[in-house]
Protein backbone atom coordinates (compact mmCIF):
# COMPACT_ATOMS: atom_id res chain seq x y z
CA UNK A 1 -96.21 11.21 68.44
CA UNK A 2 -99.93 10.65 67.91
CA UNK A 3 -101.99 10.10 71.07
CA UNK A 4 -105.71 10.28 71.66
CA UNK A 5 -107.08 13.04 73.87
CA UNK A 6 -106.83 11.96 77.51
CA UNK A 7 -110.09 12.12 79.48
CA UNK A 8 -109.51 14.03 82.71
CA UNK A 9 -111.11 11.29 84.81
CA UNK A 10 -109.07 8.38 83.37
CA UNK A 11 -107.86 6.17 86.23
CA UNK A 12 -104.61 4.29 85.72
CA UNK A 13 -103.52 1.57 88.15
CA UNK A 14 -99.72 1.37 88.08
CA UNK A 15 -98.78 -2.22 88.93
CA UNK A 16 -95.36 -2.45 90.56
CA UNK A 17 -93.30 -4.42 93.05
CA UNK A 18 -94.38 -8.03 92.93
CA UNK A 19 -92.22 -10.80 94.34
CA UNK A 20 -89.64 -11.54 91.65
CA UNK A 21 -85.89 -11.02 91.95
CA UNK A 22 -86.49 -7.65 90.26
CA UNK A 23 -88.93 -6.28 92.86
CA UNK A 24 -86.77 -3.26 93.76
CA UNK A 25 -86.29 -2.30 90.11
CA UNK A 26 -90.03 -2.62 89.51
CA UNK A 27 -90.81 -0.34 92.45
CA UNK A 28 -88.43 2.28 91.02
CA UNK A 29 -89.99 1.96 87.55
CA UNK A 30 -93.49 2.15 88.97
CA UNK A 31 -92.82 5.23 91.07
CA UNK A 32 -91.21 7.03 88.13
CA UNK A 33 -94.07 6.13 85.78
CA UNK A 34 -96.73 7.05 88.35
CA UNK A 35 -95.18 10.50 88.73
CA UNK A 36 -95.00 11.04 84.97
CA UNK A 37 -98.59 9.85 84.51
CA UNK A 38 -99.81 12.32 87.15
CA UNK A 39 -97.96 15.13 85.38
CA UNK A 40 -99.61 13.99 82.13
CA UNK A 41 -103.03 14.47 83.72
CA UNK A 42 -104.10 10.97 84.73
CA UNK A 43 -105.71 9.89 87.98
CA UNK A 44 -103.04 7.46 89.19
CA UNK A 45 -103.41 4.67 91.75
CA UNK A 46 -100.11 2.90 92.61
CA UNK A 47 -100.56 -0.79 93.39
CA UNK A 48 -97.80 -2.78 95.11
CA UNK A 49 -98.76 -6.19 93.75
CA UNK A 50 -99.19 -8.98 96.30
CA UNK A 51 -99.63 -12.60 95.31
CA UNK A 52 -102.77 -13.18 97.40
CA UNK A 53 -104.91 -10.17 96.53
CA UNK A 54 -104.11 -8.61 93.17
CA UNK A 55 -107.39 -9.81 91.63
CA UNK A 56 -109.57 -8.45 94.43
CA UNK A 57 -107.70 -5.13 94.40
CA UNK A 58 -108.25 -4.69 90.67
CA UNK A 59 -111.90 -5.70 90.96
CA UNK A 60 -112.39 -3.07 93.67
CA UNK A 61 -110.45 -0.34 91.86
CA UNK A 62 -112.01 -0.94 88.42
CA UNK A 63 -109.26 1.10 86.70
CA UNK A 64 -109.67 2.26 83.13
CA UNK A 65 -106.13 1.06 82.36
CA UNK A 66 -103.50 -1.04 84.12
CA UNK A 67 -99.96 0.23 83.55
CA UNK A 68 -97.78 -2.85 83.98
CA UNK A 69 -94.52 -1.72 85.61
CA UNK A 70 -93.71 -5.18 86.94
CA UNK A 71 -90.40 -6.85 86.04
CA UNK A 72 -89.24 -10.44 86.16
CA UNK A 73 -91.18 -13.63 86.68
CA UNK A 74 -94.96 -13.41 86.93
CA UNK A 75 -95.09 -9.73 86.01
CA UNK A 76 -93.16 -9.96 82.75
CA UNK A 77 -93.76 -13.53 81.58
CA UNK A 78 -97.43 -13.23 80.60
CA UNK A 79 -98.98 -14.31 83.92
CA UNK A 80 -100.03 -10.81 84.97
CA UNK A 81 -101.26 -10.11 81.44
CA UNK A 82 -103.41 -13.25 81.67
CA UNK A 83 -105.12 -11.91 84.80
CA UNK A 84 -105.77 -8.57 83.12
CA UNK A 85 -107.14 -10.38 80.06
CA UNK A 86 -109.47 -12.40 82.30
CA UNK A 87 -110.69 -9.23 84.05
CA UNK A 88 -110.85 -7.42 80.67
CA UNK A 89 -108.85 -4.46 81.94
CA UNK A 90 -106.91 -2.71 79.15
CA UNK A 91 -103.19 -2.90 79.88
CA UNK A 92 -99.87 -1.67 78.56
CA UNK A 93 -97.02 -3.66 77.02
CA UNK A 94 -97.25 -7.05 75.32
CA UNK A 95 -99.89 -9.74 75.61
CA UNK A 96 -99.72 -13.20 77.15
CA UNK A 97 -98.03 -15.16 74.36
CA UNK A 98 -95.47 -12.54 73.32
CA UNK A 99 -94.52 -11.89 76.95
CA UNK A 100 -94.11 -15.59 77.67
CA UNK A 101 -91.99 -16.23 74.59
CA UNK A 102 -89.77 -13.20 75.10
CA UNK A 103 -89.13 -14.08 78.75
CA UNK A 104 -87.89 -17.57 77.86
CA UNK A 105 -84.53 -16.86 76.26
CA UNK A 106 -84.14 -20.23 74.53
CA UNK A 107 -87.69 -20.38 73.13
CA UNK A 108 -87.46 -16.83 71.85
CA UNK A 109 -84.30 -17.80 69.96
CA UNK A 110 -86.32 -20.36 68.01
CA UNK A 111 -88.61 -17.54 66.85
CA UNK A 112 -85.66 -15.28 66.05
CA UNK A 113 -83.90 -17.94 63.98
CA UNK A 114 -87.09 -18.58 61.99
CA UNK A 115 -87.26 -14.83 61.32
CA UNK A 116 -83.68 -14.84 60.02
CA UNK A 117 -82.25 -12.92 62.97
CA UNK A 118 -78.68 -13.64 64.15
CA UNK A 119 -78.41 -15.22 67.62
CA UNK A 120 -75.54 -16.78 69.57
CA UNK A 121 -75.14 -20.53 69.82
CA UNK A 122 -76.61 -21.77 73.10
CA UNK A 123 -78.11 -24.75 74.88
CA UNK A 124 -79.98 -25.65 78.05
CA UNK A 125 -77.86 -27.58 80.55
CA UNK A 126 -78.59 -29.10 83.97
CA UNK A 127 -77.09 -26.80 86.60
CA UNK A 128 -75.16 -29.71 88.17
CA UNK A 129 -73.35 -30.10 84.84
CA UNK A 130 -72.76 -26.34 84.57
CA UNK A 131 -71.24 -26.38 88.06
CA UNK A 132 -68.82 -29.26 87.45
CA UNK A 133 -67.71 -29.14 83.82
CA UNK A 134 -67.55 -26.82 80.84
CA UNK A 135 -70.70 -27.34 78.71
CA UNK A 136 -68.95 -25.62 75.81
CA UNK A 137 -65.45 -24.28 75.28
CA UNK A 138 -64.97 -21.01 77.17
CA UNK A 139 -65.56 -18.13 76.97
CA UNK A 140 -69.29 -18.56 77.47
CA UNK A 141 -72.14 -16.99 79.43
CA UNK A 142 -74.35 -18.78 81.96
CA UNK A 143 -77.84 -17.30 82.33
CA UNK A 144 -81.15 -18.19 83.95
CA UNK A 145 -83.43 -19.05 81.06
CA UNK A 146 -86.24 -16.78 82.29
CA UNK A 147 -84.93 -13.79 84.28
CA UNK A 148 -84.09 -10.19 83.44
CA UNK A 149 -81.86 -7.33 84.65
CA UNK A 150 -78.79 -9.60 84.37
CA UNK A 151 -79.94 -11.48 87.49
CA UNK A 152 -77.84 -14.63 87.90
CA UNK A 153 -75.66 -14.01 84.82
CA UNK A 154 -72.08 -15.34 84.98
CA UNK A 155 -69.33 -15.05 82.36
CA UNK A 156 -66.87 -17.94 82.25
CA UNK A 157 -63.71 -16.73 80.50
CA UNK A 158 -60.89 -18.77 79.07
CA UNK A 159 -58.80 -17.66 82.07
CA UNK A 160 -61.44 -18.66 84.64
CA UNK A 161 -60.48 -21.28 87.21
CA UNK A 162 -63.38 -23.52 86.30
CA UNK A 163 -67.07 -23.77 85.51
CA UNK A 164 -69.76 -21.66 87.14
CA UNK A 165 -70.02 -23.59 90.43
CA UNK A 166 -71.92 -20.68 92.01
CA UNK A 167 -75.10 -21.60 90.11
CA UNK A 168 -75.79 -24.29 92.70
CA UNK A 169 -76.15 -21.54 95.29
CA UNK A 170 -78.68 -19.79 93.03
CA UNK A 171 -81.03 -22.69 92.35
CA UNK A 172 -83.99 -20.51 93.35
CA UNK A 173 -83.17 -18.25 90.40
CA UNK A 174 -82.06 -20.88 87.88
CA UNK A 175 -84.33 -23.81 88.62
CA UNK A 176 -82.94 -27.10 87.31
CA UNK A 177 -81.41 -25.75 84.10
CA UNK A 178 -79.28 -22.86 82.90
CA UNK A 179 -78.79 -21.44 79.43
CA UNK A 180 -75.17 -21.62 78.32
CA UNK A 181 -74.41 -19.24 75.46
CA UNK A 182 -71.33 -18.40 73.40
CA UNK A 183 -69.75 -15.21 74.72
CA UNK A 184 -69.71 -12.39 72.17
CA UNK A 185 -66.97 -9.81 72.83
CA UNK A 186 -67.35 -6.18 71.89
CA UNK A 187 -69.98 -3.50 72.38
CA UNK A 188 -73.29 -3.71 74.27
CA UNK A 189 -75.99 -2.11 72.11
CA UNK A 190 -79.70 -1.63 72.66
CA UNK A 191 -82.61 -0.34 70.57
CA UNK A 192 -86.21 0.29 71.63
CA UNK A 193 -89.34 -0.17 69.55
CA UNK A 194 -92.37 2.04 70.11
CA UNK A 195 -95.42 0.67 68.36
CA UNK A 196 -94.12 0.00 64.87
CA UNK A 197 -91.15 2.39 64.98
CA UNK A 198 -87.58 1.53 65.97
CA UNK A 199 -85.99 4.34 67.98
CA UNK A 200 -82.26 5.07 68.24
CA UNK A 201 -79.36 2.84 69.25
CA UNK A 202 -77.39 3.23 72.49
CA UNK A 203 -73.87 1.97 73.08
CA UNK A 204 -73.70 1.02 76.78
CA UNK A 205 -70.29 1.37 78.41
CA UNK A 206 -70.15 -0.15 81.89
CA UNK A 207 -68.29 1.90 84.49
CA UNK A 208 -68.47 -0.51 87.42
CA UNK A 209 -67.82 -3.86 85.74
CA UNK A 210 -66.32 -5.46 82.67
CA UNK A 211 -69.87 -6.06 81.40
CA UNK A 212 -73.37 -4.59 81.79
CA UNK A 213 -74.32 -6.27 85.07
CA UNK A 214 -77.07 -5.41 87.57
CA UNK A 215 -75.05 -2.69 89.27
CA UNK A 216 -74.10 -1.12 85.93
CA UNK A 217 -77.77 -0.96 84.99
CA UNK A 218 -79.22 0.57 88.13
CA UNK A 219 -76.51 2.30 90.18
CA UNK A 220 -76.15 6.04 89.46
CA UNK A 221 -73.08 6.43 87.28
CA UNK A 222 -72.84 2.67 86.77
CA UNK A 223 -72.71 3.03 83.02
CA UNK A 224 -72.30 5.57 80.24
CA UNK A 225 -74.92 5.67 77.50
CA UNK A 226 -73.60 6.84 74.13
CA UNK A 227 -76.57 8.01 72.04
CA UNK A 228 -76.48 7.81 69.14
CA UNK A 229 -74.09 4.87 69.25
CA UNK A 230 -70.80 5.57 67.50
CA UNK A 231 -70.87 2.53 65.24
CA UNK A 232 -70.88 2.07 61.45
CA UNK A 233 -74.07 3.38 59.85
CA UNK A 234 -74.98 -0.01 58.41
CA UNK A 235 -74.71 -1.64 61.86
CA UNK A 236 -76.85 1.14 63.35
CA UNK A 237 -79.52 0.50 60.73
CA UNK A 238 -79.31 -3.26 61.26
CA UNK A 239 -79.90 -2.81 64.99
CA UNK A 240 -83.06 -0.86 64.23
CA UNK A 241 -84.21 -3.34 61.59
CA UNK A 242 -83.51 -6.36 63.79
CA UNK A 243 -85.19 -4.79 66.84
CA UNK A 244 -88.38 -4.10 64.88
CA UNK A 245 -88.31 -7.52 63.22
CA UNK A 246 -87.84 -9.28 66.58
CA UNK A 247 -90.67 -7.20 68.12
CA UNK A 248 -92.98 -8.23 65.29
CA UNK A 249 -91.86 -11.87 65.19
CA UNK A 250 -92.75 -12.32 68.87
CA UNK A 251 -96.00 -10.41 68.47
CA UNK A 252 -95.00 -7.66 70.92
CA UNK A 253 -97.16 -4.61 71.55
CA UNK A 254 -96.46 -1.14 72.87
CA UNK A 255 -92.85 -0.75 73.98
CA UNK A 256 -90.06 -3.32 73.76
CA UNK A 257 -86.27 -3.14 73.84
CA UNK A 258 -83.84 -5.40 72.00
CA UNK A 259 -80.32 -6.01 73.32
CA UNK A 260 -77.36 -6.79 71.09
CA UNK A 261 -73.66 -7.55 71.18
CA UNK A 262 -71.53 -6.11 68.40
CA UNK A 263 -68.13 -7.71 67.93
CA UNK A 264 -66.10 -5.10 66.07
CA UNK A 265 -62.86 -7.08 66.35
CA UNK A 266 -63.68 -9.37 63.40
CA UNK A 267 -63.84 -8.52 59.72
CA UNK A 268 -67.13 -6.77 58.80
CA UNK A 269 -68.22 -7.05 62.46
CA UNK A 270 -70.65 -9.50 64.05
CA UNK A 271 -74.02 -8.23 65.30
CA UNK A 272 -75.88 -10.68 67.56
CA UNK A 273 -79.39 -10.30 68.99
CA UNK A 274 -79.39 -11.39 72.64
CA UNK A 275 -83.00 -10.92 73.73
CA UNK A 276 -86.11 -8.76 73.64
CA UNK A 277 -87.41 -7.15 76.83
CA UNK A 278 -91.19 -6.67 76.82
CA UNK A 279 -91.13 -4.83 80.17
CA UNK A 280 -88.00 -2.65 79.89
CA UNK A 281 -86.96 -0.59 82.89
CA UNK A 282 -88.45 2.88 83.34
CA UNK A 283 -86.24 4.24 86.13
CA UNK A 284 -84.13 7.38 86.21
CA UNK A 285 -81.19 5.49 84.66
CA UNK A 286 -83.26 3.43 82.20
CA UNK A 287 -82.64 3.20 78.49
CA UNK A 288 -86.13 3.44 76.98
CA UNK A 289 -86.97 6.92 78.38
CA UNK A 290 -83.57 8.09 77.13
CA UNK A 291 -84.21 6.67 73.66
CA UNK A 292 -87.68 8.21 73.59
CA UNK A 293 -86.28 11.61 74.62
CA UNK A 294 -83.70 11.38 71.82
CA UNK A 295 -86.62 10.87 69.41
CA UNK A 296 -88.34 13.97 70.81
CA UNK A 297 -90.76 12.35 73.27
CA UNK A 298 -90.74 13.50 76.89
CA UNK A 299 -91.20 10.97 79.68
CA UNK A 300 -94.76 12.25 80.15
CA UNK A 301 -95.46 11.85 76.42
CA UNK A 302 -94.03 8.34 76.49
CA UNK A 303 -96.17 7.05 79.36
CA UNK A 304 -99.26 8.82 77.97
CA UNK A 305 -98.69 7.10 74.64
CA UNK A 306 -98.40 3.75 76.43
CA UNK A 307 -101.70 4.32 78.26
CA UNK A 308 -103.46 5.33 75.07
CA UNK A 309 -102.04 2.24 73.36
CA UNK A 310 -103.42 -0.05 76.09
CA UNK A 311 -105.98 -2.75 75.32
CA UNK A 312 -106.83 -6.34 76.09
CA UNK A 313 -106.90 -9.18 73.54
CA UNK A 314 -103.26 -8.27 72.89
């Protein structure tokens, strides 16, 4: 890992919290990253982001770098990056356009298809329709079009009693539309990209659910991470190739993580790219630090690399 020498007086503002549905996860990521940055030698200022005073706080702090540990809407969709661009504060992770495109699952699929990447059939549907009739033959997945951490995700199986009526109770998360996507059975795989290098591939086995839901992601012992994934070598390589290609197609910077489903029950297998996360989790159970460690990079090395990679005009 090549990183520039870190000035001893470099001040890093770690942006965390916010007000999205992923606030708690962001606080955990931010605290973990702040600790690792201190151990790496930085002067760290944690900032619990509030809607009404983030600009004034940053103007007063005048940090050398903003480490964006926010997750979900506003923090991950390019809005926070736009503020940092306006203030000309170098920041980690992807820029405004790449963040916005990656966060919108249906729009990012347009980019992926143009790049020749395999995605599942999907469509945007009014949530009233989703709640009262099957928008496509089950099994299918119902997702908010712009959320992360599996927030609001429902799987409608062939044996389910009916459509996903519960989406009407989650209008604050979904808005007026949901993304309905063909369900891909099989393994849950993920691969991180660091700069222009694809790291390893993890096979995620949920321990607390039949799929990789919120609890599986963040509860201790909620899932088992098999690294390297025990899959055919050509599928392993494809995951890495697709992750890097998706990162580049969206124009991502710094760290990203691509999630896949691998259906090994059909001839030759079916590998499907689900989405790219431009602000992947950095908690004690998170995948990116584990993938970086497998590649020989400590958590401190990883966050130091991210700070040294920071810029604006991203």
